[in-house]
Amino acid sequence: MKTINFITGNKNKLAEVQAILGNAIEVQNRAVDVPEIQGSIEEIAKEKCRKAAEAVQGPALTEDTALEFNSLKGLPGPYMYDTRGAFDFVGSSYITHRYPFYQTSNYAGRVGSFEEILSTDNEVIYSKWFLEALGHDGLNKLLDPYEDKSIVAVCTFAFSSGPGEEPILFQGKTEGRIVPARGPANFGWDPIFEYEGKTFAEMDKDEKNLISHRYKALTKLKQWLVETYP
C-alpha cells in the first residue's frame, strides 16, 4: 500500500483525510512546525509543502484552508488561521486588537471602516489568528454591515514526493453562507458555515465528507495518487 506523510497536528483533519482517502492510501501523521509565507493560496501551499518535504526527508502532504467572504472581496482568505492582528467590532467600525507587538506601532488602536483600514494600511489585514481572536460571533459581525453573507470555503492540498520535488496542488471549493453558530464547536468554523440549510457542525461525518471543500480536494488527490504516484 502507498504511504504518505500528512503534516498536521490536528486530529480532526487527520480523521477526515483518512476517512476520505480510505484504504487506497496509508496516511501517516507527522506533526512538523513549518513556517508559512504570505502570498496567494497557491504560493503559500507550495512553499509550505516544500518545507515539509525537506523536514521529513520524504513524501509530504500539506493542507491549507481559506475562508473567503464575498462581501470583503475574498478576505480573510488564506489568513483565516495565520494572520498578524484582528478586528474588534465596535458599532459600525473596527478597531485593531492591542496585542503586545502593536502597542508601539502607528496603527495600534486605529478605528475606521474595514475598507478604510485596508486601503490605507495593507499590513493590517495580516492580523493574528482571525478565528482565534474574533471567534464565531466576531466573524459574523464582520459581515453585519453587508447584506451578502455568502462565503466560499477553499481547501488546497499540496503533495511533494520528496525534497527538491515540485509540489502538486489539489483544490476543492464549497459555497455557503455565514450564520450564527449552530452545532458542536470543536472543529474550526464548522458551526458558522451553512450549506443548504445545515452548518457543517450539524452534519454527521459521512454527510459532510460528501460535500465539503476538503472532500472535493481529497477526491482529486486520491485519483492522482492511485493513477500516478508510484
Protein backbone atom coordinates (compact mmCIF):
# COMPACT_ATOMS: atom_id res chain seq x y z
CA MET A 1 0.00 0.00 0.00
CA LYS A 2 1.21 3.50 -0.81
CA THR A 3 2.20 5.62 2.19
CA ILE A 4 2.28 9.40 2.55
CA ASN A 5 3.20 11.73 5.41
CA PHE A 6 0.37 14.12 6.24
CA ILE A 7 1.78 17.14 8.06
CA THR A 8 -0.74 18.13 10.70
CA GLY A 9 -1.20 18.32 14.43
CA ASN A 10 -5.00 18.47 14.08
CA LYS A 11 -6.60 15.11 14.88
CA ASN A 12 -9.92 16.14 13.29
CA LYS A 13 -8.24 16.93 9.98
CA LEU A 14 -6.31 13.69 10.14
CA ALA A 15 -9.51 11.71 10.72
CA GLU A 16 -11.24 13.36 7.75
CA VAL A 17 -8.30 12.74 5.46
CA GLN A 18 -8.06 9.09 6.48
CA ALA A 19 -11.82 8.59 6.07
CA ILE A 20 -11.97 10.17 2.62
CA LEU A 21 -8.82 8.58 1.19
CA GLY A 22 -9.96 5.22 2.51
CA ASN A 23 -7.89 2.07 2.09
CA ALA A 24 -6.18 3.15 -1.11
CA ILE A 25 -3.53 5.19 0.73
CA GLU A 26 -1.88 4.75 4.12
CA VAL A 27 -1.72 8.15 5.80
CA GLN A 28 0.97 8.65 8.42
CA ASN A 29 0.66 11.66 10.69
CA ARG A 30 3.73 13.86 11.09
CA ALA A 31 3.48 16.93 13.31
CA VAL A 32 6.12 19.28 11.91
CA ASP A 33 6.28 23.01 12.56
CA VAL A 34 6.52 24.51 9.07
CA PRO A 35 6.87 28.30 8.69
CA GLU A 36 4.34 29.85 6.33
CA ILE A 37 4.91 32.72 3.93
CA GLN A 38 2.46 35.43 2.94
CA GLY A 39 1.04 35.31 -0.56
CA SER A 40 -1.73 33.72 -2.59
CA ILE A 41 -3.35 30.46 -1.54
CA GLU A 42 -1.31 28.61 -4.14
CA GLU A 43 2.01 30.26 -3.21
CA ILE A 44 1.50 29.55 0.47
CA ALA A 45 0.52 25.92 -0.17
CA LYS A 46 3.51 25.15 -2.41
CA GLU A 47 6.11 26.72 -0.15
CA LYS A 48 4.69 25.03 2.93
CA CYS A 49 4.85 21.65 1.19
CA ARG A 50 8.43 22.22 0.03
CA LYS A 51 9.50 22.95 3.61
CA ALA A 52 7.58 19.92 4.89
CA ALA A 53 9.24 17.55 2.41
CA GLU A 54 12.63 18.86 3.50
CA ALA A 55 11.73 18.45 7.17
CA VAL A 56 10.60 14.81 6.87
CA GLN A 57 13.10 13.95 4.13
CA GLY A 58 10.41 12.16 2.18
CA PRO A 59 6.95 12.46 0.63
CA ALA A 60 4.84 15.16 2.26
CA LEU A 61 1.20 16.17 2.11
CA THR A 62 0.10 19.53 3.50
CA GLU A 63 -3.23 21.29 3.67
CA ASP A 64 -4.21 24.94 3.66
CA THR A 65 -7.74 26.17 4.19
CA ALA A 66 -9.13 29.57 3.28
CA LEU A 67 -12.48 31.15 4.02
CA GLU A 68 -13.41 33.89 1.57
CA PHE A 69 -16.13 36.42 2.43
CA ASN A 70 -17.54 37.69 -0.86
CA SER A 71 -18.59 41.00 0.71
CA LEU A 72 -14.98 41.57 1.81
CA LYS A 73 -13.52 40.74 -1.61
CA GLY A 74 -12.17 37.37 -0.55
CA LEU A 75 -10.83 38.26 2.89
CA PRO A 76 -9.64 36.79 5.20
CA GLY A 77 -8.77 34.08 2.65
CA PRO A 78 -5.58 32.14 3.47
CA TYR A 79 -5.04 34.30 6.57
CA MET A 80 -8.05 32.79 8.33
CA TYR A 81 -5.72 30.94 10.68
CA ASP A 82 -2.37 32.65 10.16
CA THR A 83 -2.55 36.41 10.13
CA ARG A 84 -0.97 39.18 12.20
CA GLY A 85 -3.81 41.06 14.02
CA ALA A 86 -7.57 41.01 14.25
CA PHE A 87 -10.50 43.36 14.42
CA ASP A 88 -12.99 44.04 17.16
CA PHE A 89 -16.38 45.18 16.01
CA VAL A 90 -17.34 48.49 17.61
CA GLY A 91 -20.65 49.85 16.38
CA SER A 92 -20.13 50.34 12.65
CA SER A 93 -16.35 50.49 12.94
CA TYR A 94 -13.45 48.11 13.52
CA ILE A 95 -10.60 48.59 15.95
CA THR A 96 -7.38 46.63 15.92
CA HIS A 97 -6.73 44.43 18.91
CA ARG A 98 -3.90 45.75 21.05
CA TYR A 99 -1.57 42.83 21.03
CA PRO A 100 1.82 43.46 22.67
CA PHE A 101 3.60 43.87 19.34
CA TYR A 102 1.07 46.54 18.27
CA GLN A 103 1.46 48.77 21.32
CA THR A 104 4.27 50.80 19.79
CA SER A 105 3.03 50.62 16.20
CA ASN A 106 1.48 53.59 14.45
CA TYR A 107 -1.80 51.77 13.84
CA ALA A 108 -2.45 50.28 17.28
CA GLY A 109 -5.98 51.04 18.35
CA ARG A 110 -6.82 52.55 15.00
CA VAL A 111 -10.53 52.98 14.24
CA GLY A 112 -12.27 53.20 10.87
CA SER A 113 -14.38 51.24 8.44
CA PHE A 114 -12.98 47.89 7.37
CA GLU A 115 -12.38 49.21 3.86
CA GLU A 116 -10.69 52.40 5.11
CA ILE A 117 -8.26 50.48 7.28
CA LEU A 118 -7.40 48.04 4.49
CA SER A 119 -6.94 50.72 1.84
CA THR A 120 -4.62 52.90 3.94
CA ASP A 121 -2.52 50.29 5.73
CA ASN A 122 -2.37 47.00 3.89
CA GLU A 123 -0.33 45.36 6.64
CA VAL A 124 -3.30 45.41 8.98
CA ILE A 125 -5.03 42.63 7.03
CA TYR A 126 -2.28 40.23 8.06
CA SER A 127 -3.56 40.15 11.63
CA LYS A 128 -3.05 37.34 14.10
CA TRP A 129 -5.47 34.44 14.03
CA PHE A 130 -8.79 35.84 12.73
CA LEU A 131 -10.67 32.83 14.03
CA GLU A 132 -8.92 32.61 17.39
CA ALA A 133 -9.04 36.35 18.03
CA LEU A 134 -12.58 37.07 16.84
CA GLY A 135 -14.37 33.80 17.45
CA HIS A 136 -17.56 32.73 15.72
CA ASP A 137 -19.54 35.79 16.85
CA GLY A 138 -16.81 38.18 15.75
CA LEU A 139 -16.61 36.64 12.30
CA ASN A 140 -20.36 37.08 11.93
CA LYS A 141 -20.05 40.71 12.99
CA LEU A 142 -17.55 41.36 10.21
CA LEU A 143 -20.46 40.94 7.80
CA ASP A 144 -23.05 42.86 9.84
CA PRO A 145 -22.86 45.91 7.52
CA TYR A 146 -23.44 43.77 4.43
CA GLU A 147 -26.49 42.03 3.00
CA ASP A 148 -24.35 39.47 1.21
CA LYS A 149 -23.43 36.75 3.72
CA SER A 150 -22.10 34.34 1.10
CA ILE A 151 -18.72 32.73 1.67
CA VAL A 152 -16.50 30.23 -0.10
CA ALA A 153 -14.51 27.56 1.73
CA VAL A 154 -11.33 26.65 -0.14
CA CYS A 155 -9.16 23.64 0.66
CA THR A 156 -5.78 23.21 -1.02
CA PHE A 157 -3.71 20.07 -0.58
CA ALA A 158 -0.11 20.14 -1.76
CA PHE A 159 1.87 16.96 -2.32
CA SER A 160 5.61 16.63 -2.86
CA SER A 161 7.23 13.26 -3.49
CA GLY A 162 10.32 14.39 -1.60
CA PRO A 163 12.91 17.13 -1.04
CA GLY A 164 13.52 19.16 -4.18
CA GLU A 165 10.40 17.84 -5.91
CA GLU A 166 7.88 20.48 -7.02
CA PRO A 167 4.59 20.23 -5.12
CA ILE A 168 1.37 19.41 -6.98
CA LEU A 169 -1.82 21.16 -5.88
CA PHE A 170 -5.32 19.72 -5.46
CA GLN A 171 -8.04 22.23 -4.65
CA GLY A 172 -11.68 22.00 -3.68
CA LYS A 173 -14.28 24.71 -3.05
CA THR A 174 -17.68 24.73 -1.37
CA GLU A 175 -20.00 27.73 -1.41
CA GLY A 176 -22.15 28.57 1.59
CA ARG A 177 -23.16 31.41 3.86
CA ILE A 178 -22.08 32.61 7.26
CA VAL A 179 -24.64 32.21 10.05
CA PRO A 180 -24.74 32.43 13.85
CA ALA A 181 -23.06 29.36 15.30
CA ARG A 182 -25.06 26.12 15.37
CA GLY A 183 -23.84 22.67 16.33
CA PRO A 184 -20.74 21.43 18.18
CA ALA A 185 -17.90 23.94 18.31
CA ASN A 186 -14.99 21.51 18.19
CA PHE A 187 -13.76 21.94 14.63
CA GLY A 188 -12.80 25.41 13.48
CA TRP A 189 -15.51 27.45 11.80
CA ASP A 190 -17.81 24.49 11.04
CA PRO A 191 -20.60 25.91 13.29
CA ILE A 192 -20.90 29.12 11.24
CA PHE A 193 -20.58 27.69 7.71
CA GLU A 194 -24.04 26.82 6.41
CA TYR A 195 -24.57 24.68 3.32
CA GLU A 196 -28.13 24.18 2.09
CA GLY A 197 -29.74 24.73 5.48
CA LYS A 198 -27.24 22.93 7.69
CA THR A 199 -23.97 24.06 9.18
CA PHE A 200 -21.01 21.75 8.75
CA ALA A 201 -21.13 21.22 12.52
CA GLU A 202 -24.73 19.97 12.32
CA MET A 203 -23.84 17.32 9.74
CA ASP A 204 -22.59 13.87 10.59
CA LYS A 205 -19.16 12.99 9.28
CA ASP A 206 -20.41 10.99 6.31
CA GLU A 207 -22.74 13.78 5.19
CA LYS A 208 -20.07 16.46 5.49
CA ASN A 209 -17.45 14.32 3.78
CA LEU A 210 -19.58 14.16 0.62
CA ILE A 211 -19.84 17.92 0.06
CA SER A 212 -17.02 19.64 1.91
CA HIS A 213 -14.21 21.60 0.30
CA ARG A 214 -11.79 19.11 1.87
CA TYR A 215 -13.63 16.17 0.30
CA LYS A 216 -13.51 17.76 -3.15
CA ALA A 217 -9.77 18.40 -2.89
CA LEU A 218 -9.04 14.94 -1.49
CA THR A 219 -11.05 13.24 -4.23
CA LYS A 220 -8.72 14.82 -6.80
CA LEU A 221 -5.69 13.87 -4.72
CA LYS A 222 -6.86 10.28 -4.29
CA GLN A 223 -7.39 9.83 -8.02
CA TRP A 224 -3.93 11.20 -8.75
CA LEU A 225 -2.26 9.03 -6.10
CA VAL A 226 -3.96 5.86 -7.35
CA GLU A 227 -3.28 6.55 -11.02
CA THR A 228 0.08 8.32 -10.95
CA TYR A 229 2.01 8.03 -7.71
CA PRO A 230 4.41 5.06 -7.85
